[in-house]
Amino acid sequence: MCLAIPGKLTAISAQLDDTFRMGKVSFGGVIKEINLSMVPEAQVGDYVLVHVGVAIGTIDEAEAHKTFEYIRRIGELDELEGSSTQTDTP
């Protein structure tokens, strides 16, 4: 089973071209550098679905919050929580 986690795109940090587009995504305050090459339309402030370090799609804010809260409740955020540097909502 594949799991994609929703997060908020907070910055686009590199954009040499669409192949190497990278950005910072907040997962409930945990900020990770994510590959954005599969979502060339994504802009800062958008919510993206991330699977193994790659944003694979966009999602609306309400659905992102709902999904993130469910994932948090079932305890599937352990990998992310060790490296938090900022606090923010997803």
N, C-alpha and C. Protein backbone atom coordinates (compact mmCIF):
# COMPACT_ATOMS: atom_id res chain seq x y z
N MET A 1 0.83 -1.18 0.00
CA MET A 1 0.00 0.00 0.00
C MET A 1 0.88 1.25 0.00
N CYS A 2 0.54 2.21 -0.81
CA CYS A 2 1.27 3.47 -0.89
C CYS A 2 0.52 4.51 -0.08
N LEU A 3 1.26 5.34 0.61
CA LEU A 3 0.66 6.40 1.40
C LEU A 3 1.27 7.73 0.99
N ALA A 4 0.44 8.68 0.63
CA ALA A 4 0.89 10.03 0.33
C ALA A 4 0.42 10.94 1.45
N ILE A 5 1.32 11.75 1.95
CA ILE A 5 1.03 12.65 3.06
C ILE A 5 0.80 14.06 2.52
N PRO A 6 -0.26 14.74 2.95
CA PRO A 6 -0.48 16.12 2.50
C PRO A 6 0.39 17.10 3.28
N GLY A 7 0.88 18.11 2.59
CA GLY A 7 1.66 19.16 3.24
C GLY A 7 1.51 20.46 2.47
N LYS A 8 1.86 21.55 3.12
CA LYS A 8 1.73 22.88 2.53
C LYS A 8 3.07 23.31 1.94
N LEU A 9 3.06 23.68 0.67
CA LEU A 9 4.26 24.16 -0.01
C LEU A 9 4.56 25.56 0.51
N THR A 10 5.69 25.71 1.21
CA THR A 10 6.03 26.99 1.83
C THR A 10 7.07 27.78 1.05
N ALA A 11 7.84 27.10 0.20
CA ALA A 11 8.86 27.79 -0.58
C ALA A 11 9.27 26.92 -1.76
N ILE A 12 9.60 27.57 -2.85
CA ILE A 12 10.21 26.87 -3.98
C ILE A 12 11.67 27.27 -3.94
N SER A 13 12.53 26.29 -3.63
CA SER A 13 13.93 26.61 -3.34
C SER A 13 14.87 26.46 -4.53
N ALA A 14 14.47 25.75 -5.54
CA ALA A 14 15.32 25.61 -6.72
C ALA A 14 14.43 25.38 -7.92
N GLN A 15 14.71 26.07 -8.97
CA GLN A 15 13.91 25.88 -10.18
C GLN A 15 14.79 26.10 -11.41
N LEU A 16 15.76 25.19 -11.59
CA LEU A 16 16.61 25.26 -12.77
C LEU A 16 15.77 25.02 -14.01
N ASP A 17 14.87 24.07 -13.92
CA ASP A 17 13.85 23.78 -14.92
C ASP A 17 12.85 22.86 -14.24
N ASP A 18 11.80 22.45 -14.90
CA ASP A 18 10.78 21.63 -14.25
C ASP A 18 11.30 20.28 -13.78
N THR A 19 12.39 19.77 -14.37
CA THR A 19 12.93 18.48 -13.97
C THR A 19 13.52 18.52 -12.58
N PHE A 20 14.14 19.63 -12.20
CA PHE A 20 14.84 19.72 -10.92
C PHE A 20 14.17 20.70 -9.96
N ARG A 21 12.89 20.90 -10.11
CA ARG A 21 12.15 21.83 -9.24
C ARG A 21 12.02 21.22 -7.84
N MET A 22 12.46 21.97 -6.84
CA MET A 22 12.42 21.52 -5.45
C MET A 22 11.71 22.57 -4.62
N GLY A 23 11.16 22.16 -3.48
CA GLY A 23 10.51 23.10 -2.59
C GLY A 23 10.48 22.60 -1.17
N LYS A 24 10.16 23.50 -0.27
CA LYS A 24 10.01 23.16 1.14
C LYS A 24 8.53 22.97 1.43
N VAL A 25 8.22 21.85 2.07
CA VAL A 25 6.84 21.52 2.39
C VAL A 25 6.73 21.30 3.89
N SER A 26 5.68 21.90 4.48
CA SER A 26 5.43 21.76 5.91
C SER A 26 4.39 20.66 6.14
N PHE A 27 4.76 19.72 6.99
CA PHE A 27 3.86 18.65 7.41
C PHE A 27 3.57 18.88 8.89
N GLY A 28 2.61 19.74 9.18
CA GLY A 28 2.27 20.03 10.57
C GLY A 28 3.42 20.61 11.35
N GLY A 29 4.27 21.39 10.71
CA GLY A 29 5.41 22.01 11.37
C GLY A 29 6.74 21.37 11.04
N VAL A 30 6.74 20.18 10.51
CA VAL A 30 7.96 19.51 10.10
C VAL A 30 8.22 19.91 8.65
N ILE A 31 9.36 20.57 8.40
CA ILE A 31 9.68 21.07 7.07
C ILE A 31 10.63 20.10 6.38
N LYS A 32 10.28 19.70 5.17
CA LYS A 32 11.10 18.79 4.37
C LYS A 32 11.32 19.37 2.98
N GLU A 33 12.49 19.09 2.40
CA GLU A 33 12.78 19.45 1.01
C GLU A 33 12.16 18.36 0.13
N ILE A 34 11.32 18.76 -0.82
CA ILE A 34 10.54 17.83 -1.63
C ILE A 34 10.75 18.11 -3.12
N ASN A 35 10.81 17.05 -3.90
CA ASN A 35 10.90 17.17 -5.36
C ASN A 35 9.53 17.55 -5.89
N LEU A 36 9.48 18.62 -6.68
CA LEU A 36 8.21 19.13 -7.22
C LEU A 36 8.05 18.88 -8.72
N SER A 37 8.91 18.08 -9.30
CA SER A 37 8.89 17.91 -10.76
C SER A 37 7.59 17.33 -11.30
N MET A 38 6.85 16.59 -10.48
CA MET A 38 5.59 16.00 -10.96
C MET A 38 4.39 16.95 -10.80
N VAL A 39 4.61 18.09 -10.15
CA VAL A 39 3.53 19.07 -9.97
C VAL A 39 4.01 20.46 -10.42
N PRO A 40 4.27 20.61 -11.70
CA PRO A 40 4.81 21.89 -12.19
C PRO A 40 3.86 23.07 -11.96
N GLU A 41 2.58 22.79 -11.75
CA GLU A 41 1.60 23.85 -11.52
C GLU A 41 1.56 24.33 -10.07
N ALA A 42 2.18 23.59 -9.15
CA ALA A 42 2.12 23.93 -7.72
C ALA A 42 2.86 25.23 -7.44
N GLN A 43 2.23 26.05 -6.60
CA GLN A 43 2.79 27.33 -6.20
C GLN A 43 2.85 27.39 -4.67
N VAL A 44 3.66 28.32 -4.15
CA VAL A 44 3.76 28.52 -2.71
C VAL A 44 2.35 28.77 -2.16
N GLY A 45 2.01 28.07 -1.09
CA GLY A 45 0.69 28.17 -0.48
C GLY A 45 -0.23 27.02 -0.85
N ASP A 46 0.10 26.30 -1.92
CA ASP A 46 -0.70 25.14 -2.31
C ASP A 46 -0.42 23.96 -1.39
N TYR A 47 -1.36 23.04 -1.35
CA TYR A 47 -1.18 21.79 -0.62
C TYR A 47 -0.87 20.69 -1.62
N VAL A 48 0.15 19.89 -1.30
CA VAL A 48 0.56 18.81 -2.20
C VAL A 48 0.53 17.48 -1.45
N LEU A 49 0.36 16.42 -2.21
CA LEU A 49 0.45 15.06 -1.66
C LEU A 49 1.86 14.56 -1.94
N VAL A 50 2.55 14.09 -0.90
CA VAL A 50 3.95 13.69 -1.01
C VAL A 50 4.09 12.20 -0.71
N HIS A 51 4.79 11.52 -1.61
CA HIS A 51 5.11 10.10 -1.43
C HIS A 51 6.60 9.94 -1.65
N VAL A 52 7.30 9.39 -0.67
CA VAL A 52 8.75 9.17 -0.66
C VAL A 52 9.54 10.36 -1.23
N GLY A 53 9.24 11.55 -0.73
CA GLY A 53 10.01 12.73 -1.09
C GLY A 53 9.64 13.41 -2.39
N VAL A 54 8.58 12.94 -3.03
CA VAL A 54 8.15 13.53 -4.30
C VAL A 54 6.68 13.94 -4.18
N ALA A 55 6.40 15.20 -4.54
CA ALA A 55 5.00 15.64 -4.59
C ALA A 55 4.37 15.01 -5.83
N ILE A 56 3.28 14.27 -5.62
CA ILE A 56 2.67 13.53 -6.73
C ILE A 56 1.34 14.13 -7.18
N GLY A 57 0.88 15.15 -6.48
CA GLY A 57 -0.38 15.79 -6.85
C GLY A 57 -0.68 16.93 -5.92
N THR A 58 -1.71 17.69 -6.25
CA THR A 58 -2.16 18.77 -5.38
C THR A 58 -3.49 18.37 -4.76
N ILE A 59 -3.84 19.05 -3.69
CA ILE A 59 -5.06 18.73 -2.94
C ILE A 59 -5.58 20.04 -2.35
N ASP A 60 -6.90 20.16 -2.18
CA ASP A 60 -7.41 21.39 -1.59
C ASP A 60 -7.14 21.41 -0.09
N GLU A 61 -7.15 22.61 0.50
CA GLU A 61 -6.76 22.80 1.89
C GLU A 61 -7.61 22.00 2.87
N ALA A 62 -8.92 22.02 2.70
CA ALA A 62 -9.80 21.30 3.63
C ALA A 62 -9.51 19.80 3.62
N GLU A 63 -9.35 19.24 2.44
CA GLU A 63 -9.04 17.81 2.33
C GLU A 63 -7.67 17.50 2.92
N ALA A 64 -6.71 18.40 2.71
CA ALA A 64 -5.36 18.21 3.27
C ALA A 64 -5.41 18.15 4.79
N HIS A 65 -6.12 19.08 5.41
CA HIS A 65 -6.23 19.09 6.87
C HIS A 65 -6.92 17.83 7.38
N LYS A 66 -7.99 17.44 6.73
CA LYS A 66 -8.74 16.24 7.12
C LYS A 66 -7.86 14.99 7.02
N THR A 67 -7.15 14.84 5.92
CA THR A 67 -6.29 13.68 5.71
C THR A 67 -5.12 13.67 6.69
N PHE A 68 -4.47 14.84 6.88
CA PHE A 68 -3.34 14.93 7.78
C PHE A 68 -3.75 14.57 9.20
N GLU A 69 -4.90 15.05 9.64
CA GLU A 69 -5.39 14.74 10.99
C GLU A 69 -5.65 13.24 11.15
N TYR A 70 -6.21 12.62 10.15
CA TYR A 70 -6.43 11.17 10.21
C TYR A 70 -5.10 10.43 10.32
N ILE A 71 -4.14 10.81 9.51
CA ILE A 71 -2.82 10.16 9.55
C ILE A 71 -2.16 10.37 10.91
N ARG A 72 -2.30 11.56 11.47
CA ARG A 72 -1.75 11.84 12.80
C ARG A 72 -2.40 10.93 13.85
N ARG A 73 -3.73 10.79 13.78
CA ARG A 73 -4.46 9.97 14.76
C ARG A 73 -4.07 8.50 14.72
N ILE A 74 -3.78 7.98 13.56
CA ILE A 74 -3.41 6.56 13.49
C ILE A 74 -1.92 6.33 13.74
N GLY A 75 -1.18 7.43 14.03
CA GLY A 75 0.21 7.29 14.44
C GLY A 75 1.19 7.03 13.32
N GLU A 76 0.90 7.49 12.12
CA GLU A 76 1.79 7.23 10.99
C GLU A 76 2.75 8.38 10.69
N LEU A 77 2.94 9.30 11.63
CA LEU A 77 3.83 10.44 11.39
C LEU A 77 5.16 10.33 12.10
N ASP A 78 5.47 9.18 12.67
CA ASP A 78 6.69 9.01 13.45
C ASP A 78 7.95 9.39 12.68
N GLU A 79 8.04 9.05 11.41
CA GLU A 79 9.23 9.36 10.60
C GLU A 79 9.47 10.85 10.51
N LEU A 80 8.42 11.64 10.40
CA LEU A 80 8.55 13.07 10.22
C LEU A 80 8.90 13.81 11.50
N GLU A 81 8.43 13.35 12.63
CA GLU A 81 8.46 14.14 13.85
C GLU A 81 9.83 14.34 14.47
N GLY A 82 10.83 13.62 14.08
CA GLY A 82 12.16 13.78 14.66
C GLY A 82 12.93 14.99 14.18
N SER A 83 12.51 15.64 13.09
CA SER A 83 13.33 16.71 12.50
C SER A 83 12.61 18.03 12.40
N SER A 84 11.65 18.30 13.26
CA SER A 84 10.88 19.55 13.19
C SER A 84 11.75 20.74 13.56
N THR A 85 11.68 21.80 12.71
CA THR A 85 12.41 23.02 13.01
C THR A 85 11.48 24.21 13.11
N GLN A 86 10.24 24.08 12.66
CA GLN A 86 9.27 25.16 12.70
C GLN A 86 7.92 24.59 13.07
N THR A 87 7.05 25.46 13.56
CA THR A 87 5.69 25.01 13.79
C THR A 87 4.78 25.70 12.81
N ASP A 88 3.85 24.95 12.27
CA ASP A 88 2.93 25.44 11.24
C ASP A 88 1.85 24.37 11.11
N THR A 89 0.76 24.71 10.47
CA THR A 89 -0.25 23.71 10.17
C THR A 89 0.10 23.07 8.83
N PRO A 90 -0.47 21.91 8.49
CA PRO A 90 -0.06 21.22 7.27
C PRO A 90 -0.19 22.04 6.00
